[in-house]
Amino acid sequence: MRALKLLVVAVLAVGVVHDATAEIVRSPGGKIIGFRVRDASPPDYANARPFPTPRADAPSAPQADLIRRGADVKFPGKPSFVEGGEGDGERTPERLPVNRALQELEAPPPPELGSSDKPYTTSLVRPADQDWHRVAGKIFFVQNGESFVCSGSLVKPGVVITAAHCVADYGKNVFYRDWEFVPAYQNGDAPYGRWTTQMVLAPNAYLDGTDPCSQRGVVCRNDVAVLILKAKSGKYPGRQTGWFGWGTNGFGYNRNSQVQLTQLGYPVALNKGEMQIRTDAQGSTDPTRVDNTVFGSLQTGGSSGGPNLINFNNSVKRARGTSAGKQGNRNLVIGVTSWVGPDQSKEMGSSLFTDDNVSSLVNDACNRFPKACN
């Protein structure tokens, strides 16, 4: 896979260049590259709808074919990772209105797989405010006056990773607004509070439509973005919840470009999106889909931007002489939920994390707002 050096564009508004609440940020060449909003309106929590997850027009190849092709995948650099951090668990609870208008569906019985024949296990997380599940959360935002939900997770005390399609319209330089992140959201409970966003960063190639995609605007190489949160009394939520690390360039993948992953998110088709949902599956890198990772999943709209993790949750105590194996670093995000396959295929996909997308975004966020990362 060819490494793509990305420029970063920072945004935090939708076509509001003259918004009195926004401070315009320009590049040295004079181009608008961002907005820092001093004030934002809260989303409509009770009526927020799932933001549509981009849908692929055809299922991916069978698992056996992906395994064979995986040996030919060339990652763009040496596998690497950045460690996360633990929080103190202190709670600052708030209560949000619950969306009661959505229909709750029955969960399917196991074993779980669809027409794509990729096995997975999807389960309800209860409670979501325990252990490392609390690092993930629900994102509320506004597009054209309507409120929507996506998912995301902390990768620094005040920096959230999510999907680019949850912050901007592909190829149009059109951005949404008023993002709020609620870690460990559960049925209206916000045990660690709700956090507004002061800036958003996304790859310029995704924003201007030059990002390589096997299906334009749907299956793309760099569908990833970060939210930089506003501090409260000088503190960020990661100090309470902890934050994930991340892995790039195939960290955690085997020689056939496979990875065992855990997907967290808030799909509205499951438990009305009011509870965190977990999926465990085997992911395979698909060279015909710009090296996106493909995996089986029951999750749908609302799960976009949720973390795909390796070595998730608490570690175990090993007897003397028992090795942890290779690349056993825990709680690393290696992708965010980006697209869903055709109906009944029960598969999803994510852009591969590289130094040029996720690391570039987080580093830029930390350079702009060092206190959000320290």
Protein backbone atom coordinates (compact mmCIF):
# COMPACT_ATOMS: atom_id res chain seq x y z
CA MET A 1 0.00 0.00 0.00
CA ARG A 2 1.36 3.41 -0.91
CA ALA A 3 1.81 5.76 2.01
CA LEU A 4 -0.22 8.92 1.62
CA LYS A 5 1.15 12.04 3.23
CA LEU A 6 -1.84 13.98 4.47
CA LEU A 7 -2.37 17.61 5.16
CA VAL A 8 -4.70 18.27 8.08
CA VAL A 9 -7.66 20.60 8.02
CA ALA A 10 -9.25 21.72 11.25
CA VAL A 11 -12.95 22.50 11.28
CA LEU A 12 -15.67 23.18 13.74
CA ALA A 13 -18.65 24.61 11.94
CA VAL A 14 -20.87 24.27 8.90
CA GLY A 15 -20.45 27.11 6.47
CA VAL A 16 -20.41 29.65 9.27
CA VAL A 17 -17.43 31.72 8.20
CA HIS A 18 -19.17 34.83 9.52
CA ASP A 19 -20.54 33.19 12.69
CA ALA A 20 -19.87 35.60 15.54
CA THR A 21 -19.19 32.66 17.86
CA ALA A 22 -16.40 31.26 15.65
CA GLU A 23 -12.78 32.28 15.45
CA ILE A 24 -11.52 31.63 11.92
CA VAL A 25 -8.17 29.85 11.64
CA ARG A 26 -6.19 30.29 8.42
CA SER A 27 -3.11 28.65 6.97
CA PRO A 28 0.00 30.76 6.17
CA GLY A 29 -1.31 30.86 2.61
CA GLY A 30 -4.60 32.39 3.74
CA LYS A 31 -6.84 29.34 3.36
CA ILE A 32 -9.42 28.69 6.05
CA ILE A 33 -8.30 25.56 7.85
CA GLY A 34 -10.34 25.70 11.04
CA PHE A 35 -12.72 27.25 13.49
CA ARG A 36 -12.49 27.60 17.22
CA VAL A 37 -15.99 28.05 18.57
CA ARG A 38 -16.50 30.07 21.72
CA ASP A 39 -20.11 29.01 22.14
CA ALA A 40 -22.26 26.15 20.82
CA SER A 41 -25.86 25.05 21.11
CA PRO A 42 -26.56 21.64 22.70
CA PRO A 43 -27.90 18.92 20.39
CA ASP A 44 -31.47 17.62 20.68
CA TYR A 45 -30.67 14.51 22.73
CA ALA A 46 -34.25 13.21 22.82
CA ASN A 47 -34.64 13.24 19.03
CA ALA A 48 -31.12 12.54 17.80
CA ARG A 49 -31.10 9.99 14.99
CA PRO A 50 -28.38 7.57 13.96
CA PHE A 51 -26.06 9.16 11.45
CA PRO A 52 -26.19 6.92 8.36
CA THR A 53 -23.15 4.68 8.16
CA PRO A 54 -21.85 4.72 4.56
CA ARG A 55 -23.03 1.53 2.86
CA ALA A 56 -20.91 -0.50 0.48
CA ASP A 57 -22.66 -1.53 -2.73
CA ALA A 58 -21.36 -5.11 -2.63
CA PRO A 59 -20.08 -7.53 0.02
CA SER A 60 -16.37 -8.13 0.35
CA ALA A 61 -14.67 -11.33 -0.78
CA PRO A 62 -15.07 -14.52 1.29
CA GLN A 63 -12.86 -14.86 4.34
CA ALA A 64 -10.66 -17.54 2.73
CA ASP A 65 -9.91 -15.24 -0.22
CA LEU A 66 -9.06 -12.35 2.09
CA ILE A 67 -6.62 -14.55 3.99
CA ARG A 68 -4.89 -15.57 0.77
CA ARG A 69 -4.69 -11.99 -0.46
CA GLY A 70 -3.59 -10.73 2.94
CA ALA A 71 -0.09 -12.06 2.51
CA ASP A 72 0.36 -9.58 -0.38
CA VAL A 73 -0.67 -6.51 1.63
CA LYS A 74 2.23 -4.13 2.17
CA PHE A 75 1.78 -1.92 5.20
CA PRO A 76 3.01 1.68 4.70
CA GLY A 77 5.64 1.59 7.43
CA LYS A 78 6.97 -0.27 10.42
CA PRO A 79 4.21 -1.36 12.86
CA SER A 80 4.19 0.95 15.86
CA PHE A 81 1.98 1.95 18.76
CA VAL A 82 1.33 4.67 21.32
CA GLU A 83 0.27 3.64 24.83
CA GLY A 84 -2.90 4.93 26.46
CA GLY A 85 -3.40 5.92 30.10
CA GLU A 86 -5.55 5.07 33.09
CA GLY A 87 -8.00 7.41 34.76
CA ASP A 88 -8.88 7.82 38.42
CA GLY A 89 -12.52 6.76 37.97
CA GLU A 90 -13.95 9.89 39.57
CA ARG A 91 -17.52 10.50 38.38
CA THR A 92 -19.23 13.76 37.49
CA PRO A 93 -22.69 12.44 36.60
CA GLU A 94 -25.25 14.21 34.46
CA ARG A 95 -28.63 13.11 33.17
CA LEU A 96 -29.62 13.49 29.50
CA PRO A 97 -33.04 13.02 27.86
CA VAL A 98 -33.55 9.49 26.53
CA ASN A 99 -34.66 8.91 22.94
CA ARG A 100 -37.94 7.03 23.31
CA ALA A 101 -39.15 7.37 19.73
CA LEU A 102 -36.97 4.63 18.24
CA GLN A 103 -38.17 1.05 17.96
CA GLU A 104 -36.24 -1.56 19.90
CA LEU A 105 -35.40 -4.72 17.97
CA GLU A 106 -34.87 -8.22 19.27
CA ALA A 107 -31.31 -9.48 19.33
CA PRO A 108 -30.64 -12.45 17.03
CA PRO A 109 -29.68 -15.79 18.55
CA PRO A 110 -26.12 -17.11 18.22
CA PRO A 111 -24.22 -18.21 16.23
CA GLU A 112 -24.07 -14.85 14.51
CA LEU A 113 -23.06 -14.34 10.90
CA GLY A 114 -24.66 -13.01 7.74
CA SER A 115 -24.48 -13.60 4.02
CA SER A 116 -20.82 -12.52 4.07
CA ASP A 117 -20.13 -15.64 6.18
CA LYS A 118 -17.82 -13.74 8.54
CA PRO A 119 -18.39 -14.86 12.15
CA TYR A 120 -18.72 -12.45 15.06
CA THR A 121 -20.27 -12.17 18.50
CA THR A 122 -22.27 -9.07 19.44
CA SER A 123 -23.24 -8.44 23.06
CA LEU A 124 -24.66 -5.77 25.36
CA VAL A 125 -22.22 -3.90 27.60
CA ARG A 126 -23.71 -3.39 31.06
CA PRO A 127 -22.61 -1.29 32.80
CA ALA A 128 -20.62 0.83 30.36
CA ASP A 129 -18.91 2.87 33.06
CA GLN A 130 -16.64 0.06 34.25
CA ASP A 131 -13.07 -0.78 33.31
CA TRP A 132 -11.93 0.17 29.80
CA HIS A 133 -15.44 0.26 28.32
CA ARG A 134 -15.83 3.73 29.86
CA VAL A 135 -13.22 5.19 27.50
CA ALA A 136 -15.67 4.83 24.59
CA GLY A 137 -18.77 6.96 24.31
CA LYS A 138 -21.56 8.49 22.30
CA ILE A 139 -21.14 11.56 20.09
CA PHE A 140 -24.03 13.96 19.49
CA PHE A 141 -23.82 16.57 16.73
CA VAL A 142 -25.94 18.74 14.45
CA GLN A 143 -26.27 18.74 10.67
CA ASN A 144 -28.62 21.16 8.91
CA GLY A 145 -30.51 21.77 12.14
CA GLU A 146 -31.06 18.07 12.94
CA SER A 147 -29.31 16.13 15.68
CA PHE A 148 -27.48 12.86 15.03
CA VAL A 149 -25.36 10.37 16.90
CA CYS A 150 -22.05 8.65 16.16
CA SER A 151 -19.56 6.91 18.43
CA GLY A 152 -15.99 7.64 19.49
CA SER A 153 -13.30 7.08 22.12
CA LEU A 154 -10.59 9.01 23.92
CA VAL A 155 -7.00 8.63 22.72
CA LYS A 156 -5.66 11.47 24.88
CA PRO A 157 -7.19 13.04 28.01
CA GLY A 158 -9.02 15.60 25.86
CA VAL A 159 -8.86 14.15 22.34
CA VAL A 160 -11.51 11.85 20.84
CA ILE A 161 -11.00 9.67 17.77
CA THR A 162 -13.97 9.09 15.44
CA ALA A 163 -14.79 8.76 11.73
CA ALA A 164 -14.31 11.64 9.29
CA HIS A 165 -17.82 11.06 7.94
CA CYS A 166 -19.11 11.99 11.43
CA VAL A 167 -17.62 15.48 11.09
CA ALA A 168 -17.77 16.35 7.38
CA ASP A 169 -19.38 15.54 4.04
CA TYR A 170 -16.83 13.74 1.85
CA GLY A 171 -15.34 15.83 -0.94
CA LYS A 172 -17.44 18.93 -0.28
CA ASN A 173 -15.55 20.75 2.48
CA VAL A 174 -18.89 20.92 4.25
CA PHE A 175 -18.74 20.36 7.97
CA TYR A 176 -21.24 19.62 10.69
CA ARG A 177 -21.29 21.33 14.10
CA ASP A 178 -21.89 21.31 17.85
CA TRP A 179 -20.29 17.98 18.69
CA GLU A 180 -20.59 16.65 22.24
CA PHE A 181 -18.87 13.55 23.59
CA VAL A 182 -20.47 11.54 26.41
CA PRO A 183 -18.11 8.82 27.69
CA ALA A 184 -19.76 5.62 28.97
CA TYR A 185 -23.22 6.89 27.98
CA GLN A 186 -25.96 4.52 29.15
CA ASN A 187 -29.71 5.03 28.85
CA GLY A 188 -29.53 8.77 29.49
CA ASP A 189 -26.89 8.53 32.20
CA ALA A 190 -23.65 10.41 31.62
CA PRO A 191 -21.50 9.16 34.54
CA TYR A 192 -18.51 11.26 33.49
CA GLY A 193 -20.47 14.20 32.15
CA ARG A 194 -20.87 15.58 28.64
CA TRP A 195 -18.05 17.40 26.90
CA THR A 196 -18.30 19.99 24.18
CA THR A 197 -15.82 20.28 21.32
CA GLN A 198 -13.62 23.27 20.54
CA MET A 199 -12.00 22.00 17.33
CA VAL A 200 -12.17 19.12 14.87
CA LEU A 201 -9.32 17.78 12.73
CA ALA A 202 -9.70 15.60 9.63
CA PRO A 203 -7.50 14.65 6.64
CA ASN A 204 -7.56 17.23 3.87
CA ALA A 205 -7.74 14.42 1.29
CA TYR A 206 -11.04 13.21 2.76
CA LEU A 207 -12.45 16.73 2.96
CA ASP A 208 -11.62 17.75 -0.61
CA GLY A 209 -12.49 14.38 -2.17
CA THR A 210 -9.00 13.31 -3.29
CA ASP A 211 -8.77 10.44 -0.79
CA PRO A 212 -8.32 7.04 -2.52
CA CYS A 213 -11.62 5.12 -2.25
CA SER A 214 -12.75 1.81 -3.72
CA GLN A 215 -16.26 3.28 -3.56
CA ARG A 216 -16.26 7.07 -3.57
CA GLY A 217 -17.02 8.54 -0.17
CA VAL A 218 -17.82 5.14 1.34
CA VAL A 219 -14.80 2.81 1.47
CA CYS A 220 -11.87 5.22 1.73
CA ARG A 221 -8.30 5.14 2.96
CA ASN A 222 -8.58 7.91 5.55
CA ASP A 223 -12.04 8.01 7.13
CA VAL A 224 -10.75 9.18 10.50
CA ALA A 225 -11.02 12.41 12.50
CA VAL A 226 -10.37 13.78 15.99
CA LEU A 227 -12.38 16.04 18.29
CA ILE A 228 -10.52 18.31 20.70
CA LEU A 229 -12.68 18.78 23.77
CA LYS A 230 -13.09 21.84 25.96
CA ALA A 231 -11.73 21.47 29.48
CA LYS A 232 -13.88 21.93 32.57
CA SER A 233 -12.07 23.72 35.38
CA GLY A 234 -8.84 22.82 33.63
CA LYS A 235 -9.64 19.08 33.50
CA TYR A 236 -10.40 16.68 30.64
CA PRO A 237 -12.51 13.48 30.78
CA GLY A 238 -9.60 11.13 30.17
CA ARG A 239 -8.28 11.93 33.64
CA GLN A 240 -11.41 10.22 34.95
CA THR A 241 -12.03 7.50 32.36
CA GLY A 242 -8.52 6.83 31.03
CA TRP A 243 -7.75 6.83 27.32
CA PHE A 244 -6.82 4.29 24.68
CA GLY A 245 -3.54 4.11 22.83
CA TRP A 246 -3.42 3.38 19.11
CA GLY A 247 -1.52 1.15 16.71
CA THR A 248 -0.45 1.97 13.16
CA ASN A 249 0.88 0.33 10.01
CA GLY A 250 -0.52 -3.10 10.81
CA PHE A 251 0.39 -3.31 14.49
CA GLY A 252 -1.40 -6.38 15.86
CA TYR A 253 -1.98 -7.94 12.41
CA ASN A 254 -0.43 -11.30 11.48
CA ARG A 255 1.48 -12.15 8.29
CA ASN A 256 -1.83 -12.74 6.47
CA SER A 257 -3.00 -9.24 7.50
CA GLN A 258 -5.56 -10.59 9.94
CA VAL A 259 -6.37 -9.15 13.34
CA GLN A 260 -8.60 -10.15 16.25
CA LEU A 261 -10.54 -7.03 17.19
CA THR A 262 -13.19 -5.69 19.56
CA GLN A 263 -15.65 -3.10 18.20
CA LEU A 264 -17.45 -0.71 20.59
CA GLY A 265 -20.29 1.57 19.57
CA TYR A 266 -23.84 2.84 19.98
CA PRO A 267 -25.81 1.42 17.01
CA VAL A 268 -29.38 2.69 17.21
CA ALA A 269 -30.81 -0.57 15.80
CA LEU A 270 -29.65 -2.34 18.98
CA ASN A 271 -31.18 -1.32 22.33
CA LYS A 272 -32.24 1.95 20.67
CA GLY A 273 -28.65 3.17 20.79
CA GLU A 274 -29.09 3.80 24.50
CA MET A 275 -26.56 1.17 25.55
CA GLN A 276 -22.98 0.46 24.52
CA ILE A 277 -22.64 -2.58 22.23
CA ARG A 278 -19.58 -4.79 21.87
CA THR A 279 -18.64 -6.99 18.91
CA ASP A 280 -15.71 -9.41 18.83
CA ALA A 281 -14.58 -10.57 15.38
CA GLN A 282 -11.66 -11.46 13.16
CA GLY A 283 -10.70 -8.64 10.81
CA SER A 284 -8.99 -9.09 7.45
CA THR A 285 -7.24 -6.41 5.41
CA ASP A 286 -8.75 -6.23 1.91
CA PRO A 287 -6.34 -4.94 -0.77
CA THR A 288 -9.26 -4.47 -3.18
CA ARG A 289 -10.81 -2.00 -0.72
CA VAL A 290 -7.85 0.36 -0.28
CA ASP A 291 -6.55 -1.89 2.51
CA ASN A 292 -9.57 -1.37 4.74
CA THR A 293 -10.06 -3.92 7.52
CA VAL A 294 -13.25 -5.96 6.99
CA PHE A 295 -15.01 -7.85 9.80
CA GLY A 296 -18.36 -9.38 10.71
CA SER A 297 -20.69 -7.29 12.86
CA LEU A 298 -24.33 -6.74 13.73
CA GLN A 299 -23.80 -3.04 14.42
CA THR A 300 -25.36 -0.36 12.19
CA GLY A 301 -26.02 3.40 12.11
CA GLY A 302 -24.84 5.20 15.23
CA SER A 303 -21.78 2.95 15.61
CA SER A 304 -19.78 5.02 13.10
CA GLY A 305 -16.52 6.24 14.59
CA GLY A 306 -16.54 3.71 17.41
CA PRO A 307 -13.16 2.14 18.21
CA ASN A 308 -11.86 -1.14 16.78
CA LEU A 309 -9.42 -2.36 19.43
CA ILE A 310 -6.82 -5.05 19.92
CA ASN A 311 -6.04 -6.72 23.26
CA PHE A 312 -9.07 -5.05 24.81
CA ASN A 313 -9.82 -4.59 28.51
CA ASN A 314 -7.95 -5.65 31.62
CA SER A 315 -4.84 -7.80 31.44
CA VAL A 316 -4.49 -11.19 33.09
CA LYS A 317 -1.89 -12.40 35.56
CA ARG A 318 0.45 -14.87 33.90
CA ALA A 319 2.22 -17.73 35.58
CA ARG A 320 5.99 -17.59 35.53
CA GLY A 321 7.26 -18.71 32.15
CA THR A 322 3.99 -17.90 30.34
CA SER A 323 4.57 -15.41 27.54
CA ALA A 324 2.06 -12.78 26.45
CA GLY A 325 2.94 -13.45 22.82
CA LYS A 326 3.78 -10.86 20.21
CA GLN A 327 2.39 -7.32 20.18
CA GLY A 328 0.46 -7.83 23.38
CA ASN A 329 0.12 -4.15 24.23
CA ARG A 330 -3.37 -3.59 25.57
CA ASN A 331 -6.27 -1.37 24.59
CA LEU A 332 -4.96 -0.01 21.31
CA VAL A 333 -7.33 1.41 18.68
CA ILE A 334 -6.35 0.16 15.22
CA GLY A 335 -9.36 1.59 13.32
CA VAL A 336 -12.75 3.24 13.73
CA THR A 337 -16.02 1.93 12.30
CA SER A 338 -16.34 3.48 8.85
CA TRP A 339 -18.80 1.61 6.62
CA VAL A 340 -21.33 -1.21 6.56
CA GLY A 341 -21.87 -3.87 3.92
CA PRO A 342 -25.07 -4.51 1.98
CA ASP A 343 -28.17 -5.47 3.95
CA GLN A 344 -27.93 -8.91 5.60
CA SER A 345 -24.21 -9.20 4.85
CA LYS A 346 -23.50 -8.38 8.51
CA GLU A 347 -20.07 -6.98 7.82
CA MET A 348 -18.39 -3.64 8.46
CA GLY A 349 -15.06 -2.03 7.67
CA SER A 350 -12.55 0.57 8.81
CA SER A 351 -9.68 2.56 7.31
CA LEU A 352 -6.26 1.23 8.30
CA PHE A 353 -4.55 3.41 10.89
CA THR A 354 -1.22 4.77 9.64
CA ASP A 355 1.34 7.32 10.78
CA ASP A 356 0.04 9.64 8.06
CA ASN A 357 -3.59 9.67 9.21
CA VAL A 358 -4.24 8.99 12.90
CA SER A 359 -0.78 9.85 14.23
CA SER A 360 -0.67 13.03 12.17
CA LEU A 361 -4.11 14.07 13.42
CA VAL A 362 -3.38 13.42 17.09
CA ASN A 363 0.02 15.10 16.91
CA ASP A 364 -1.55 18.15 15.29
CA ALA A 365 -4.24 18.22 18.00
CA CYS A 366 -1.59 18.03 20.71
CA ASN A 367 0.51 20.78 19.11
CA ARG A 368 -2.50 23.07 19.02
CA PHE A 369 -3.82 22.19 22.48
CA PRO A 370 -0.99 20.69 24.56
CA LYS A 371 -3.05 20.64 27.77
CA ALA A 372 -5.56 18.27 26.12
CA CYS A 373 -2.79 15.71 25.74
CA ASN A 374 -0.72 16.10 28.92
